[in-house]
Amino acid sequence: MRINDRVFGVLLLILAVAYGYGASQFPVPFGGQEAVGPETFPILLSIILGIGAVYMVIKPDEDVKWPAVSMLIELGVVCVVLALFAFALEHLGFVLSATPAVAFLCWRMGATPVKSLLTGVITSVVIYVLFTRLLELALPSGILGL
C-alpha cells in the first residue's frame, strides 16, 4: 500500500497545482481587485490539498485492512447527503439546505437528534451571516429571501 499512497499523493499534487492554476486564472471582478475574490477559496483549497499530497508522498500509511461493508455504505450515504445539499442549495437557499445536511451528519456522528438539529440551524445561520454580512460574499438565500 505504500507505493499506492505515494502514487495517489503524486496524482493529488498534480490536481492541486492544476486546480490552483485554474483558480488563479479567474477574471478580475468588475470594479477592480478585491481582498477576498472568487479565486481566494479555491486557491486556499489547492494549497491544503498540495500540503496533504506532499505528506502522503513523504510519509505513506502502513498497510491497513479495508473497512467493513457497513462503513462503505455509511460513506456512500454521506456522499448522497452532500450531493442533495449541493442540488438543494440553489433552489432552497443556503440555510434551508445546510440545516438538514449538517443535522444529519451530526446525528450520524453520535449526537442526539435534538442537538443535531440545533447544531444544523445554528451552524447554517452563522455561516450565512458570516459570508453575506462580514465577508460580503453571496450565498443563495433561496425561498427565505434573506
N, C-alpha and C. Protein backbone atom coordinates (compact mmCIF):
# COMPACT_ATOMS: atom_id res chain seq x y z
N MET A 1 0.82 -1.20 0.00
CA MET A 1 0.00 0.00 0.00
C MET A 1 0.86 1.26 0.00
N ARG A 2 2.09 1.17 0.44
CA ARG A 2 2.93 2.36 0.49
C ARG A 2 3.12 2.96 -0.90
N ILE A 3 3.36 2.10 -1.90
CA ILE A 3 3.55 2.62 -3.25
C ILE A 3 2.25 3.22 -3.77
N ASN A 4 1.11 2.61 -3.41
CA ASN A 4 -0.18 3.16 -3.84
C ASN A 4 -0.41 4.55 -3.24
N ASP A 5 -0.05 4.72 -1.96
CA ASP A 5 -0.20 6.02 -1.31
C ASP A 5 0.68 7.06 -1.99
N ARG A 6 1.89 6.67 -2.34
CA ARG A 6 2.80 7.62 -2.98
C ARG A 6 2.31 8.01 -4.37
N VAL A 7 1.84 7.04 -5.14
CA VAL A 7 1.32 7.34 -6.47
C VAL A 7 0.08 8.23 -6.36
N PHE A 8 -0.81 7.90 -5.42
CA PHE A 8 -2.01 8.71 -5.21
C PHE A 8 -1.63 10.12 -4.74
N GLY A 9 -0.59 10.22 -3.91
CA GLY A 9 -0.12 11.53 -3.45
C GLY A 9 0.39 12.37 -4.60
N VAL A 10 1.14 11.77 -5.53
CA VAL A 10 1.64 12.50 -6.69
C VAL A 10 0.46 12.96 -7.56
N LEU A 11 -0.52 12.08 -7.76
CA LEU A 11 -1.70 12.47 -8.55
C LEU A 11 -2.46 13.62 -7.88
N LEU A 12 -2.59 13.57 -6.56
CA LEU A 12 -3.25 14.66 -5.85
C LEU A 12 -2.46 15.95 -5.93
N LEU A 13 -1.14 15.86 -5.93
CA LEU A 13 -0.30 17.05 -6.06
C LEU A 13 -0.48 17.68 -7.44
N ILE A 14 -0.55 16.85 -8.46
CA ILE A 14 -0.81 17.36 -9.81
C ILE A 14 -2.18 18.03 -9.86
N LEU A 15 -3.18 17.41 -9.24
CA LEU A 15 -4.51 18.00 -9.19
C LEU A 15 -4.49 19.33 -8.44
N ALA A 16 -3.76 19.41 -7.34
CA ALA A 16 -3.68 20.65 -6.55
C ALA A 16 -3.07 21.78 -7.37
N VAL A 17 -2.00 21.47 -8.09
CA VAL A 17 -1.35 22.50 -8.90
C VAL A 17 -2.28 22.95 -10.03
N ALA A 18 -2.94 22.00 -10.70
CA ALA A 18 -3.86 22.36 -11.78
C ALA A 18 -5.05 23.16 -11.26
N TYR A 19 -5.57 22.76 -10.11
CA TYR A 19 -6.71 23.46 -9.51
C TYR A 19 -6.31 24.88 -9.09
N GLY A 20 -5.14 25.02 -8.48
CA GLY A 20 -4.66 26.34 -8.08
C GLY A 20 -4.39 27.23 -9.28
N TYR A 21 -3.81 26.65 -10.34
CA TYR A 21 -3.57 27.44 -11.55
C TYR A 21 -4.88 27.88 -12.18
N GLY A 22 -5.85 26.95 -12.24
CA GLY A 22 -7.16 27.31 -12.79
C GLY A 22 -7.85 28.40 -12.00
N ALA A 23 -7.72 28.34 -10.68
CA ALA A 23 -8.33 29.37 -9.83
C ALA A 23 -7.65 30.71 -10.01
N SER A 24 -6.36 30.70 -10.26
CA SER A 24 -5.65 31.96 -10.43
C SER A 24 -5.98 32.62 -11.77
N GLN A 25 -6.62 31.91 -12.67
CA GLN A 25 -6.97 32.46 -13.97
C GLN A 25 -8.36 33.09 -14.01
N PHE A 26 -9.06 33.13 -12.88
CA PHE A 26 -10.37 33.77 -12.84
C PHE A 26 -10.21 35.23 -13.25
N PRO A 27 -11.16 35.76 -14.00
CA PRO A 27 -11.05 37.17 -14.38
C PRO A 27 -11.21 38.09 -13.18
N VAL A 28 -10.57 39.25 -13.25
CA VAL A 28 -10.68 40.24 -12.19
C VAL A 28 -12.12 40.74 -12.16
N PRO A 29 -12.75 40.77 -10.97
CA PRO A 29 -14.14 41.21 -10.90
C PRO A 29 -14.30 42.66 -11.34
N PHE A 30 -15.51 42.97 -11.79
CA PHE A 30 -15.83 44.34 -12.21
C PHE A 30 -15.62 45.27 -11.02
N GLY A 31 -14.91 46.34 -11.22
CA GLY A 31 -14.65 47.27 -10.13
C GLY A 31 -13.26 47.12 -9.55
N GLY A 32 -12.47 46.19 -10.04
CA GLY A 32 -11.09 46.05 -9.58
C GLY A 32 -10.87 44.87 -8.67
N GLN A 33 -9.64 44.74 -8.25
CA GLN A 33 -9.22 43.63 -7.39
C GLN A 33 -9.80 43.79 -5.99
N GLU A 34 -10.26 42.68 -5.41
CA GLU A 34 -10.79 42.69 -4.06
C GLU A 34 -9.88 41.87 -3.16
N ALA A 35 -9.96 42.13 -1.84
CA ALA A 35 -9.14 41.35 -0.90
C ALA A 35 -9.56 39.89 -0.91
N VAL A 36 -10.87 39.64 -0.92
CA VAL A 36 -11.40 38.29 -0.98
C VAL A 36 -12.22 38.19 -2.26
N GLY A 37 -11.64 37.61 -3.28
CA GLY A 37 -12.31 37.50 -4.56
C GLY A 37 -12.73 36.07 -4.84
N PRO A 38 -13.17 35.81 -6.05
CA PRO A 38 -13.64 34.46 -6.38
C PRO A 38 -12.55 33.41 -6.39
N GLU A 39 -11.29 33.83 -6.48
CA GLU A 39 -10.20 32.87 -6.52
C GLU A 39 -9.65 32.53 -5.13
N THR A 40 -10.04 33.24 -4.10
CA THR A 40 -9.44 33.08 -2.78
C THR A 40 -9.62 31.67 -2.23
N PHE A 41 -10.85 31.21 -2.15
CA PHE A 41 -11.11 29.90 -1.54
C PHE A 41 -10.59 28.73 -2.37
N PRO A 42 -10.74 28.76 -3.71
CA PRO A 42 -10.13 27.66 -4.47
C PRO A 42 -8.61 27.60 -4.32
N ILE A 43 -7.96 28.75 -4.23
CA ILE A 43 -6.50 28.73 -4.04
C ILE A 43 -6.15 28.18 -2.67
N LEU A 44 -6.90 28.57 -1.64
CA LEU A 44 -6.66 28.00 -0.30
C LEU A 44 -6.86 26.49 -0.30
N LEU A 45 -7.90 26.02 -0.98
CA LEU A 45 -8.14 24.58 -1.07
C LEU A 45 -7.00 23.87 -1.80
N SER A 46 -6.49 24.49 -2.85
CA SER A 46 -5.39 23.85 -3.58
C SER A 46 -4.12 23.79 -2.73
N ILE A 47 -3.90 24.81 -1.91
CA ILE A 47 -2.73 24.79 -1.02
C ILE A 47 -2.86 23.67 0.01
N ILE A 48 -4.05 23.55 0.60
CA ILE A 48 -4.28 22.50 1.59
C ILE A 48 -4.14 21.12 0.95
N LEU A 49 -4.71 20.96 -0.25
CA LEU A 49 -4.58 19.69 -0.96
C LEU A 49 -3.13 19.39 -1.29
N GLY A 50 -2.37 20.40 -1.71
CA GLY A 50 -0.96 20.20 -2.02
C GLY A 50 -0.15 19.77 -0.81
N ILE A 51 -0.42 20.39 0.34
CA ILE A 51 0.28 20.02 1.57
C ILE A 51 -0.03 18.56 1.94
N GLY A 52 -1.31 18.20 1.85
CA GLY A 52 -1.70 16.82 2.14
C GLY A 52 -1.08 15.82 1.18
N ALA A 53 -1.00 16.20 -0.08
CA ALA A 53 -0.42 15.31 -1.09
C ALA A 53 1.07 15.10 -0.84
N VAL A 54 1.78 16.17 -0.52
CA VAL A 54 3.21 16.04 -0.23
C VAL A 54 3.41 15.16 1.00
N TYR A 55 2.57 15.33 2.00
CA TYR A 55 2.66 14.49 3.20
C TYR A 55 2.44 13.02 2.86
N MET A 56 1.48 12.73 1.95
CA MET A 56 1.24 11.33 1.55
C MET A 56 2.45 10.74 0.84
N VAL A 57 3.13 11.56 0.04
CA VAL A 57 4.30 11.06 -0.68
C VAL A 57 5.46 10.81 0.29
N ILE A 58 5.65 11.73 1.23
CA ILE A 58 6.78 11.62 2.16
C ILE A 58 6.55 10.54 3.21
N LYS A 59 5.34 10.48 3.75
CA LYS A 59 5.06 9.55 4.84
C LYS A 59 3.77 8.78 4.56
N PRO A 60 3.81 7.76 3.73
CA PRO A 60 2.60 6.97 3.45
C PRO A 60 2.20 6.12 4.65
N ASP A 61 0.93 5.76 4.68
CA ASP A 61 0.41 4.94 5.78
C ASP A 61 0.90 3.51 5.68
N GLU A 62 0.88 2.85 6.81
CA GLU A 62 1.16 1.42 6.84
C GLU A 62 0.01 0.68 6.16
N ASP A 63 0.26 -0.56 5.80
CA ASP A 63 -0.80 -1.37 5.22
C ASP A 63 -1.90 -1.57 6.25
N VAL A 64 -3.12 -1.27 5.85
CA VAL A 64 -4.25 -1.40 6.75
C VAL A 64 -5.34 -2.24 6.08
N LYS A 65 -6.21 -2.78 6.91
CA LYS A 65 -7.32 -3.58 6.42
C LYS A 65 -8.45 -2.65 5.97
N TRP A 66 -9.10 -3.00 4.87
CA TRP A 66 -10.22 -2.20 4.38
C TRP A 66 -11.36 -2.24 5.39
N PRO A 67 -12.13 -1.16 5.46
CA PRO A 67 -13.25 -1.14 6.41
C PRO A 67 -14.34 -2.11 5.98
N ALA A 68 -15.23 -2.39 6.93
CA ALA A 68 -16.34 -3.30 6.66
C ALA A 68 -17.30 -2.68 5.64
N VAL A 69 -18.11 -3.52 5.03
CA VAL A 69 -19.07 -3.06 4.02
C VAL A 69 -20.03 -2.04 4.62
N SER A 70 -20.41 -2.21 5.90
CA SER A 70 -21.33 -1.26 6.52
C SER A 70 -20.73 0.15 6.55
N MET A 71 -19.43 0.26 6.76
CA MET A 71 -18.78 1.57 6.76
C MET A 71 -18.77 2.17 5.36
N LEU A 72 -18.55 1.34 4.36
CA LEU A 72 -18.58 1.83 2.98
C LEU A 72 -19.98 2.32 2.60
N ILE A 73 -21.01 1.62 3.08
CA ILE A 73 -22.39 2.06 2.84
C ILE A 73 -22.63 3.40 3.53
N GLU A 74 -22.14 3.51 4.76
CA GLU A 74 -22.28 4.77 5.51
C GLU A 74 -21.62 5.92 4.76
N LEU A 75 -20.44 5.70 4.22
CA LEU A 75 -19.76 6.73 3.44
C LEU A 75 -20.54 7.07 2.17
N GLY A 76 -21.14 6.08 1.56
CA GLY A 76 -21.99 6.32 0.39
C GLY A 76 -23.19 7.19 0.73
N VAL A 77 -23.81 6.93 1.88
CA VAL A 77 -24.95 7.74 2.33
C VAL A 77 -24.52 9.19 2.57
N VAL A 78 -23.35 9.38 3.16
CA VAL A 78 -22.83 10.73 3.38
C VAL A 78 -22.62 11.44 2.04
N CYS A 79 -22.10 10.74 1.06
CA CYS A 79 -21.91 11.34 -0.27
C CYS A 79 -23.25 11.73 -0.88
N VAL A 80 -24.26 10.90 -0.71
CA VAL A 80 -25.60 11.23 -1.23
C VAL A 80 -26.15 12.47 -0.53
N VAL A 81 -25.98 12.56 0.80
CA VAL A 81 -26.46 13.73 1.54
C VAL A 81 -25.77 14.99 1.05
N LEU A 82 -24.46 14.93 0.81
CA LEU A 82 -23.73 16.10 0.32
C LEU A 82 -24.15 16.46 -1.10
N ALA A 83 -24.44 15.47 -1.93
CA ALA A 83 -24.93 15.76 -3.28
C ALA A 83 -26.32 16.39 -3.22
N LEU A 84 -27.19 15.91 -2.34
CA LEU A 84 -28.50 16.53 -2.18
C LEU A 84 -28.38 17.97 -1.68
N PHE A 85 -27.43 18.21 -0.77
CA PHE A 85 -27.18 19.57 -0.30
C PHE A 85 -26.79 20.47 -1.47
N ALA A 86 -25.87 20.00 -2.30
CA ALA A 86 -25.43 20.81 -3.44
C ALA A 86 -26.58 21.08 -4.41
N PHE A 87 -27.44 20.09 -4.63
CA PHE A 87 -28.58 20.28 -5.53
C PHE A 87 -29.60 21.25 -4.93
N ALA A 88 -29.88 21.12 -3.64
CA ALA A 88 -30.89 21.96 -2.98
C ALA A 88 -30.40 23.38 -2.73
N LEU A 89 -29.10 23.59 -2.76
CA LEU A 89 -28.53 24.89 -2.43
C LEU A 89 -29.11 26.02 -3.29
N GLU A 90 -29.18 25.81 -4.57
CA GLU A 90 -29.68 26.86 -5.47
C GLU A 90 -31.19 27.05 -5.33
N HIS A 91 -31.91 25.97 -5.09
CA HIS A 91 -33.37 26.05 -5.07
C HIS A 91 -33.91 26.51 -3.72
N LEU A 92 -33.39 25.96 -2.63
CA LEU A 92 -33.91 26.29 -1.31
C LEU A 92 -33.13 27.39 -0.61
N GLY A 93 -31.89 27.61 -1.02
CA GLY A 93 -31.03 28.57 -0.35
C GLY A 93 -30.10 27.88 0.62
N PHE A 94 -29.11 28.62 1.11
CA PHE A 94 -28.08 28.02 1.94
C PHE A 94 -28.62 27.52 3.27
N VAL A 95 -29.38 28.35 3.96
CA VAL A 95 -29.82 27.99 5.31
C VAL A 95 -30.72 26.75 5.28
N LEU A 96 -31.69 26.72 4.38
CA LEU A 96 -32.62 25.59 4.34
C LEU A 96 -31.99 24.31 3.80
N SER A 97 -30.94 24.41 3.02
CA SER A 97 -30.30 23.19 2.53
C SER A 97 -29.17 22.73 3.45
N ALA A 98 -28.50 23.66 4.12
CA ALA A 98 -27.40 23.27 5.01
C ALA A 98 -27.91 22.71 6.33
N THR A 99 -29.04 23.21 6.82
CA THR A 99 -29.55 22.76 8.12
C THR A 99 -29.77 21.25 8.18
N PRO A 100 -30.54 20.66 7.26
CA PRO A 100 -30.72 19.20 7.35
C PRO A 100 -29.44 18.42 7.06
N ALA A 101 -28.58 18.94 6.19
CA ALA A 101 -27.33 18.24 5.89
C ALA A 101 -26.44 18.18 7.12
N VAL A 102 -26.25 19.32 7.78
CA VAL A 102 -25.41 19.36 8.98
C VAL A 102 -26.04 18.54 10.10
N ALA A 103 -27.37 18.66 10.25
CA ALA A 103 -28.06 17.90 11.30
C ALA A 103 -27.90 16.39 11.08
N PHE A 104 -28.05 15.94 9.84
CA PHE A 104 -27.90 14.51 9.56
C PHE A 104 -26.48 14.04 9.86
N LEU A 105 -25.48 14.81 9.41
CA LEU A 105 -24.10 14.41 9.65
C LEU A 105 -23.77 14.39 11.13
N CYS A 106 -24.28 15.36 11.89
CA CYS A 106 -24.06 15.35 13.35
C CYS A 106 -24.72 14.13 13.99
N TRP A 107 -25.92 13.82 13.54
CA TRP A 107 -26.63 12.66 14.08
C TRP A 107 -25.85 11.38 13.79
N ARG A 108 -25.30 11.25 12.59
CA ARG A 108 -24.54 10.05 12.24
C ARG A 108 -23.24 9.95 13.03
N MET A 109 -22.74 11.09 13.53
CA MET A 109 -21.52 11.07 14.34
C MET A 109 -21.82 10.85 15.81
N GLY A 110 -23.09 10.64 16.17
CA GLY A 110 -23.41 10.24 17.52
C GLY A 110 -24.17 11.25 18.37
N ALA A 111 -24.49 12.41 17.83
CA ALA A 111 -25.24 13.40 18.60
C ALA A 111 -26.72 12.99 18.66
N THR A 112 -27.41 13.48 19.68
CA THR A 112 -28.86 13.22 19.77
C THR A 112 -29.57 14.01 18.68
N PRO A 113 -30.78 13.57 18.29
CA PRO A 113 -31.49 14.29 17.23
C PRO A 113 -31.73 15.77 17.55
N VAL A 114 -32.05 16.09 18.80
CA VAL A 114 -32.30 17.49 19.16
C VAL A 114 -31.02 18.31 19.04
N LYS A 115 -29.92 17.79 19.56
CA LYS A 115 -28.65 18.51 19.47
C LYS A 115 -28.19 18.62 18.02
N SER A 116 -28.46 17.60 17.23
CA SER A 116 -28.09 17.63 15.81
C SER A 116 -28.85 18.72 15.08
N LEU A 117 -30.15 18.80 15.32
CA LEU A 117 -30.95 19.83 14.67
C LEU A 117 -30.53 21.23 15.12
N LEU A 118 -30.28 21.38 16.40
CA LEU A 118 -29.84 22.67 16.92
C LEU A 118 -28.49 23.07 16.31
N THR A 119 -27.59 22.13 16.20
CA THR A 119 -26.29 22.40 15.58
C THR A 119 -26.46 22.77 14.11
N GLY A 120 -27.34 22.07 13.41
CA GLY A 120 -27.59 22.37 12.00
C GLY A 120 -28.12 23.78 11.80
N VAL A 121 -29.08 24.18 12.62
CA VAL A 121 -29.67 25.52 12.49
C VAL A 121 -28.64 26.59 12.81
N ILE A 122 -27.96 26.44 13.95
CA ILE A 122 -27.01 27.46 14.38
C ILE A 122 -25.85 27.58 13.39
N THR A 123 -25.33 26.44 12.96
CA THR A 123 -24.20 26.44 12.03
C THR A 123 -24.57 27.10 10.72
N SER A 124 -25.70 26.74 10.14
CA SER A 124 -26.06 27.29 8.85
C SER A 124 -26.35 28.79 8.93
N VAL A 125 -27.00 29.24 9.98
CA VAL A 125 -27.28 30.67 10.13
C VAL A 125 -25.99 31.46 10.36
N VAL A 126 -25.11 30.96 11.21
CA VAL A 126 -23.85 31.66 11.49
C VAL A 126 -22.99 31.75 10.23
N ILE A 127 -22.89 30.66 9.49
CA ILE A 127 -22.09 30.69 8.27
C ILE A 127 -22.71 31.63 7.25
N TYR A 128 -24.03 31.61 7.13
CA TYR A 128 -24.70 32.51 6.18
C TYR A 128 -24.43 33.97 6.54
N VAL A 129 -24.58 34.32 7.81
CA VAL A 129 -24.34 35.70 8.24
C VAL A 129 -22.87 36.07 8.05
N LEU A 130 -21.96 35.16 8.40
CA LEU A 130 -20.54 35.41 8.25
C LEU A 130 -20.18 35.71 6.80
N PHE A 131 -20.66 34.90 5.89
CA PHE A 131 -20.32 35.07 4.49
C PHE A 131 -21.01 36.29 3.87
N THR A 132 -22.30 36.47 4.15
CA THR A 132 -23.03 37.54 3.47
C THR A 132 -22.79 38.91 4.09
N ARG A 133 -22.66 39.00 5.39
CA ARG A 133 -22.53 40.30 6.05
C ARG A 133 -21.07 40.69 6.27
N LEU A 134 -20.27 39.79 6.82
CA LEU A 134 -18.89 40.14 7.13
C LEU A 134 -17.97 40.07 5.92
N LEU A 135 -18.01 38.95 5.19
CA LEU A 135 -17.14 38.79 4.04
C LEU A 135 -17.73 39.36 2.75
N GLU A 136 -19.00 39.71 2.79
CA GLU A 136 -19.72 40.25 1.63
C GLU A 136 -19.63 39.35 0.41
N LEU A 137 -19.75 38.04 0.65
CA LEU A 137 -19.79 37.06 -0.42
C LEU A 137 -21.20 36.51 -0.49
N ALA A 138 -21.71 36.39 -1.69
CA ALA A 138 -23.11 35.99 -1.86
C ALA A 138 -23.27 34.48 -1.67
N LEU A 139 -24.24 34.14 -0.82
CA LEU A 139 -24.71 32.77 -0.71
C LEU A 139 -26.19 32.80 -1.10
N PRO A 140 -26.69 31.76 -1.74
CA PRO A 140 -28.07 31.78 -2.18
C PRO A 140 -29.03 31.87 -0.99
N SER A 141 -29.96 32.81 -1.06
CA SER A 141 -30.93 32.94 0.03
C SER A 141 -32.16 32.08 -0.22
N GLY A 142 -32.39 31.70 -1.46
CA GLY A 142 -33.48 30.78 -1.79
C GLY A 142 -34.84 31.34 -1.48
N ILE A 143 -35.72 30.48 -1.02
CA ILE A 143 -37.10 30.89 -0.80
C ILE A 143 -37.27 31.76 0.44
N LEU A 144 -36.27 31.80 1.33
CA LEU A 144 -36.36 32.67 2.51
C LEU A 144 -36.19 34.13 2.14
N GLY A 145 -35.40 34.41 1.09
CA GLY A 145 -35.18 35.77 0.64
C GLY A 145 -34.51 36.65 1.68
N LEU A 146 -33.56 36.11 2.43
CA LEU A 146 -32.89 36.88 3.49
C LEU A 146 -32.16 38.04 2.94
